[in-house]
Amino acid sequence: MIRIINYDLPEAKSFLQILFNRSELDLHQEQKTVQCIVDDIRIKKDEALFDYTKRFDGVILNSSNIKVTQEEIAMAYKQVDSHYISVIQKSIERIEAYHQKQKQNSWFNTEPQGAILGQKITPIESIGVYVPGGKAAYPSSVLMNVIPAKVAGVEKIVMVTPPQKFVGIDPTTLVAAHEAGIKEIYKVGGAQAIAA
């Protein structure tokens, strides 16, 4: 439930001050940490990626198990009920219908003097989608990122999401990704996933 604050009440001033102070947070240390991770990934590549996944997520990955397999997707379907699948499918339809209305089209017009005016809309060839998920599942993040890209015509969509220790990827996230048409999913999260 969204908290409603009456501005006339004394507590409103202190609450607003807390909100304003959030924008003054000093994130220099976090920025340095992330930059170190990015630099490490750039230099050591997969070795650093696997090391950070072990360190932060407690999951041991290597080149043979970092990519989600068809077997893992099939297992995810066994762990969710049919109602969940139908809700995801209906959500995909609705999100797609909404974004179809936003879609821009190419157009060209030849002026009487011979000048050609217009715009050419070209989708990005490939994108990466980051879906949070180390501590909770966010299947809606899958849909809200993937469906607009598909409507826009993006051909290759690669998804990364952090694995949970002893569990792997949350089944609701995997089912949402599969229903949305994602063909390539990697079990990695955090700054290291973005850097990779």
Protein backbone atom coordinates (compact mmCIF):
# COMPACT_ATOMS: atom_id res chain seq x y z
CA MET A 1 0.00 0.00 0.00
CA ILE A 2 1.34 3.44 -0.90
CA ARG A 3 1.86 5.64 2.11
CA ILE A 4 -0.07 8.91 1.88
CA ILE A 5 1.37 11.86 3.75
CA ASN A 6 -0.77 14.88 4.55
CA TYR A 7 1.53 17.83 3.96
CA ASP A 8 -0.12 19.84 6.75
CA LEU A 9 0.89 17.33 9.43
CA PRO A 10 4.15 17.82 11.38
CA GLU A 11 5.47 14.41 10.29
CA ALA A 12 5.34 15.45 6.63
CA LYS A 13 8.30 17.81 6.92
CA SER A 14 10.60 15.17 8.43
CA PHE A 15 9.44 12.55 5.92
CA LEU A 16 10.13 14.88 2.98
CA GLN A 17 13.54 15.73 4.43
CA ILE A 18 14.41 12.03 4.46
CA LEU A 19 13.40 11.78 0.79
CA PHE A 20 15.45 14.85 -0.15
CA ASN A 21 18.49 13.56 1.74
CA ARG A 22 18.47 10.32 -0.27
CA SER A 23 19.62 12.25 -3.34
CA GLU A 24 22.67 13.43 -1.40
CA LEU A 25 24.01 9.93 -0.74
CA ASP A 26 27.71 9.54 -1.35
CA LEU A 27 28.07 6.59 -3.71
CA HIS A 28 31.77 7.05 -4.51
CA GLN A 29 32.78 3.83 -2.74
CA GLU A 30 30.10 1.82 -4.55
CA GLN A 31 31.20 3.38 -7.84
CA LYS A 32 34.82 2.37 -7.17
CA THR A 33 33.73 -1.19 -6.33
CA VAL A 34 31.71 -1.49 -9.53
CA GLN A 35 34.54 -0.02 -11.60
CA CYS A 36 36.93 -2.63 -10.16
CA ILE A 37 34.51 -5.39 -11.14
CA VAL A 38 34.11 -3.99 -14.66
CA ASP A 39 37.89 -3.68 -15.09
CA ASP A 40 38.43 -7.20 -13.74
CA ILE A 41 35.86 -8.65 -16.18
CA ARG A 42 37.45 -6.74 -19.06
CA ILE A 43 40.88 -8.18 -18.26
CA LYS A 44 40.18 -11.68 -16.91
CA LYS A 45 36.89 -12.27 -18.75
CA ASP A 46 35.09 -15.51 -17.77
CA GLU A 47 37.56 -16.31 -15.00
CA ALA A 48 36.54 -13.11 -13.18
CA LEU A 49 32.87 -13.64 -14.01
CA PHE A 50 32.88 -17.09 -12.41
CA ASP A 51 34.87 -15.82 -9.42
CA TYR A 52 32.42 -12.99 -8.68
CA THR A 53 29.43 -15.32 -9.05
CA LYS A 54 30.99 -17.68 -6.51
CA ARG A 55 31.90 -14.81 -4.18
CA PHE A 56 28.59 -12.90 -4.31
CA ASP A 57 26.02 -15.60 -5.06
CA GLY A 58 27.71 -18.68 -3.60
CA VAL A 59 27.25 -20.51 -6.91
CA ILE A 60 30.03 -22.28 -8.79
CA LEU A 61 29.77 -21.65 -12.51
CA ASN A 62 31.91 -22.57 -15.47
CA SER A 63 31.60 -22.42 -19.24
CA SER A 64 29.53 -25.61 -19.33
CA ASN A 65 26.85 -24.63 -16.79
CA ILE A 66 26.49 -20.84 -17.04
CA LYS A 67 23.86 -21.01 -19.79
CA VAL A 68 20.33 -22.15 -18.90
CA THR A 69 19.54 -25.46 -20.63
CA GLN A 70 16.29 -26.73 -22.13
CA GLU A 71 16.19 -29.28 -19.30
CA GLU A 72 16.24 -26.48 -16.72
CA ILE A 73 13.41 -24.71 -18.55
CA ALA A 74 11.39 -27.95 -18.67
CA MET A 75 11.97 -28.42 -14.93
CA ALA A 76 10.81 -24.84 -14.29
CA TYR A 77 7.50 -25.57 -16.05
CA LYS A 78 6.99 -28.53 -13.70
CA GLN A 79 7.43 -26.22 -10.70
CA VAL A 80 4.76 -23.66 -11.64
CA ASP A 81 1.05 -24.22 -11.97
CA SER A 82 -1.05 -23.81 -15.12
CA HIS A 83 -2.73 -20.70 -13.73
CA TYR A 84 0.65 -18.94 -13.52
CA ILE A 85 1.41 -19.85 -17.13
CA SER A 86 -1.94 -18.52 -18.34
CA VAL A 87 -1.40 -15.28 -16.39
CA ILE A 88 2.01 -14.84 -18.02
CA GLN A 89 0.58 -15.54 -21.48
CA LYS A 90 -2.24 -13.03 -20.96
CA SER A 91 0.25 -10.47 -19.65
CA ILE A 92 2.39 -10.94 -22.76
CA GLU A 93 -0.65 -10.33 -24.98
CA ARG A 94 -1.59 -7.16 -23.11
CA ILE A 95 1.95 -5.74 -22.96
CA GLU A 96 2.44 -6.49 -26.65
CA ALA A 97 -0.86 -4.80 -27.60
CA TYR A 98 0.14 -1.72 -25.64
CA HIS A 99 3.59 -1.45 -27.22
CA GLN A 100 2.24 -2.11 -30.73
CA LYS A 101 0.39 1.20 -30.35
CA GLN A 102 3.66 2.97 -29.57
CA LYS A 103 5.53 1.48 -32.50
CA GLN A 104 6.85 3.98 -35.01
CA ASN A 105 6.97 3.16 -38.70
CA SER A 106 9.29 4.25 -41.46
CA TRP A 107 7.87 6.70 -43.96
CA PHE A 108 9.14 8.55 -47.01
CA ASN A 109 7.70 11.33 -49.09
CA THR A 110 8.97 12.62 -52.44
CA GLU A 111 8.46 16.36 -52.82
CA PRO A 112 7.46 17.83 -56.21
CA GLN A 113 11.01 19.16 -56.63
CA GLY A 114 12.37 15.62 -56.19
CA ALA A 115 13.61 15.87 -52.61
CA ILE A 116 12.98 12.75 -50.56
CA LEU A 117 12.02 13.35 -46.94
CA GLY A 118 11.19 10.83 -44.26
CA GLN A 119 12.41 8.63 -41.49
CA LYS A 120 13.68 5.08 -41.44
CA ILE A 121 13.01 3.14 -38.25
CA THR A 122 15.55 0.37 -37.72
CA PRO A 123 15.56 -1.85 -34.62
CA ILE A 124 18.71 -2.59 -32.69
CA GLU A 125 20.01 -6.02 -33.74
CA SER A 126 20.56 -7.39 -30.25
CA ILE A 127 20.06 -6.39 -26.64
CA GLY A 128 20.90 -7.67 -23.20
CA VAL A 129 18.22 -7.80 -20.53
CA TYR A 130 19.14 -7.79 -16.84
CA VAL A 131 16.51 -9.37 -14.59
CA PRO A 132 17.13 -9.01 -10.85
CA GLY A 133 16.59 -12.18 -8.90
CA GLY A 134 19.17 -13.02 -6.29
CA LYS A 135 16.79 -12.67 -3.34
CA ALA A 136 13.36 -12.57 -5.02
CA ALA A 137 11.78 -13.35 -8.38
CA TYR A 138 10.88 -10.59 -10.84
CA PRO A 139 9.17 -12.22 -13.84
CA SER A 140 7.49 -8.89 -14.61
CA SER A 141 10.96 -7.45 -15.33
CA VAL A 142 11.35 -10.11 -18.00
CA LEU A 143 8.11 -9.15 -19.71
CA MET A 144 8.47 -5.38 -19.38
CA ASN A 145 11.93 -5.47 -20.98
CA VAL A 146 11.58 -8.25 -23.52
CA ILE A 147 8.15 -7.57 -25.04
CA PRO A 148 8.86 -3.94 -26.08
CA ALA A 149 12.13 -5.10 -27.66
CA LYS A 150 10.38 -7.86 -29.59
CA VAL A 151 7.67 -5.44 -30.77
CA ALA A 152 10.41 -3.06 -31.92
CA GLY A 153 11.92 -5.88 -34.00
CA VAL A 154 15.02 -6.75 -31.99
CA GLU A 155 16.14 -10.13 -33.30
CA LYS A 156 18.51 -11.35 -30.59
CA ILE A 157 17.68 -10.90 -26.91
CA VAL A 158 20.04 -12.28 -24.28
CA MET A 159 18.94 -12.37 -20.65
CA VAL A 160 21.06 -12.53 -17.51
CA THR A 161 19.72 -13.11 -14.02
CA PRO A 162 21.53 -14.07 -10.82
CA PRO A 163 21.31 -17.66 -9.62
CA GLN A 164 20.15 -18.50 -6.13
CA LYS A 165 22.42 -20.74 -4.09
CA PHE A 166 21.25 -24.40 -4.23
CA VAL A 167 18.23 -23.41 -6.34
CA GLY A 168 19.46 -21.89 -9.60
CA ILE A 169 17.17 -19.50 -11.44
CA ASP A 170 13.70 -19.00 -10.02
CA PRO A 171 11.23 -21.11 -12.06
CA THR A 172 8.73 -18.25 -12.43
CA THR A 173 11.44 -16.14 -14.06
CA LEU A 174 12.49 -18.96 -16.40
CA VAL A 175 8.92 -19.67 -17.47
CA ALA A 176 8.28 -15.97 -18.11
CA ALA A 177 11.46 -15.79 -20.20
CA HIS A 178 10.55 -18.87 -22.20
CA GLU A 179 6.99 -17.68 -22.80
CA ALA A 180 8.38 -14.32 -23.95
CA GLY A 181 10.56 -16.11 -26.49
CA ILE A 182 14.01 -15.71 -24.93
CA LYS A 183 16.41 -18.27 -26.39
CA GLU A 184 19.58 -17.36 -24.48
CA ILE A 185 19.64 -17.04 -20.68
CA TYR A 186 22.72 -16.89 -18.46
CA LYS A 187 22.89 -17.55 -14.71
CA VAL A 188 24.85 -14.51 -13.67
CA GLY A 189 23.93 -11.25 -11.98
CA GLY A 190 25.29 -8.06 -10.50
CA ALA A 191 27.77 -5.64 -12.00
CA GLN A 192 29.72 -8.62 -13.34
CA ALA A 193 26.78 -9.65 -15.55
CA ILE A 194 26.45 -6.15 -16.97
CA ALA A 195 30.20 -5.92 -17.56
CA ALA A 196 30.33 -9.28 -19.32
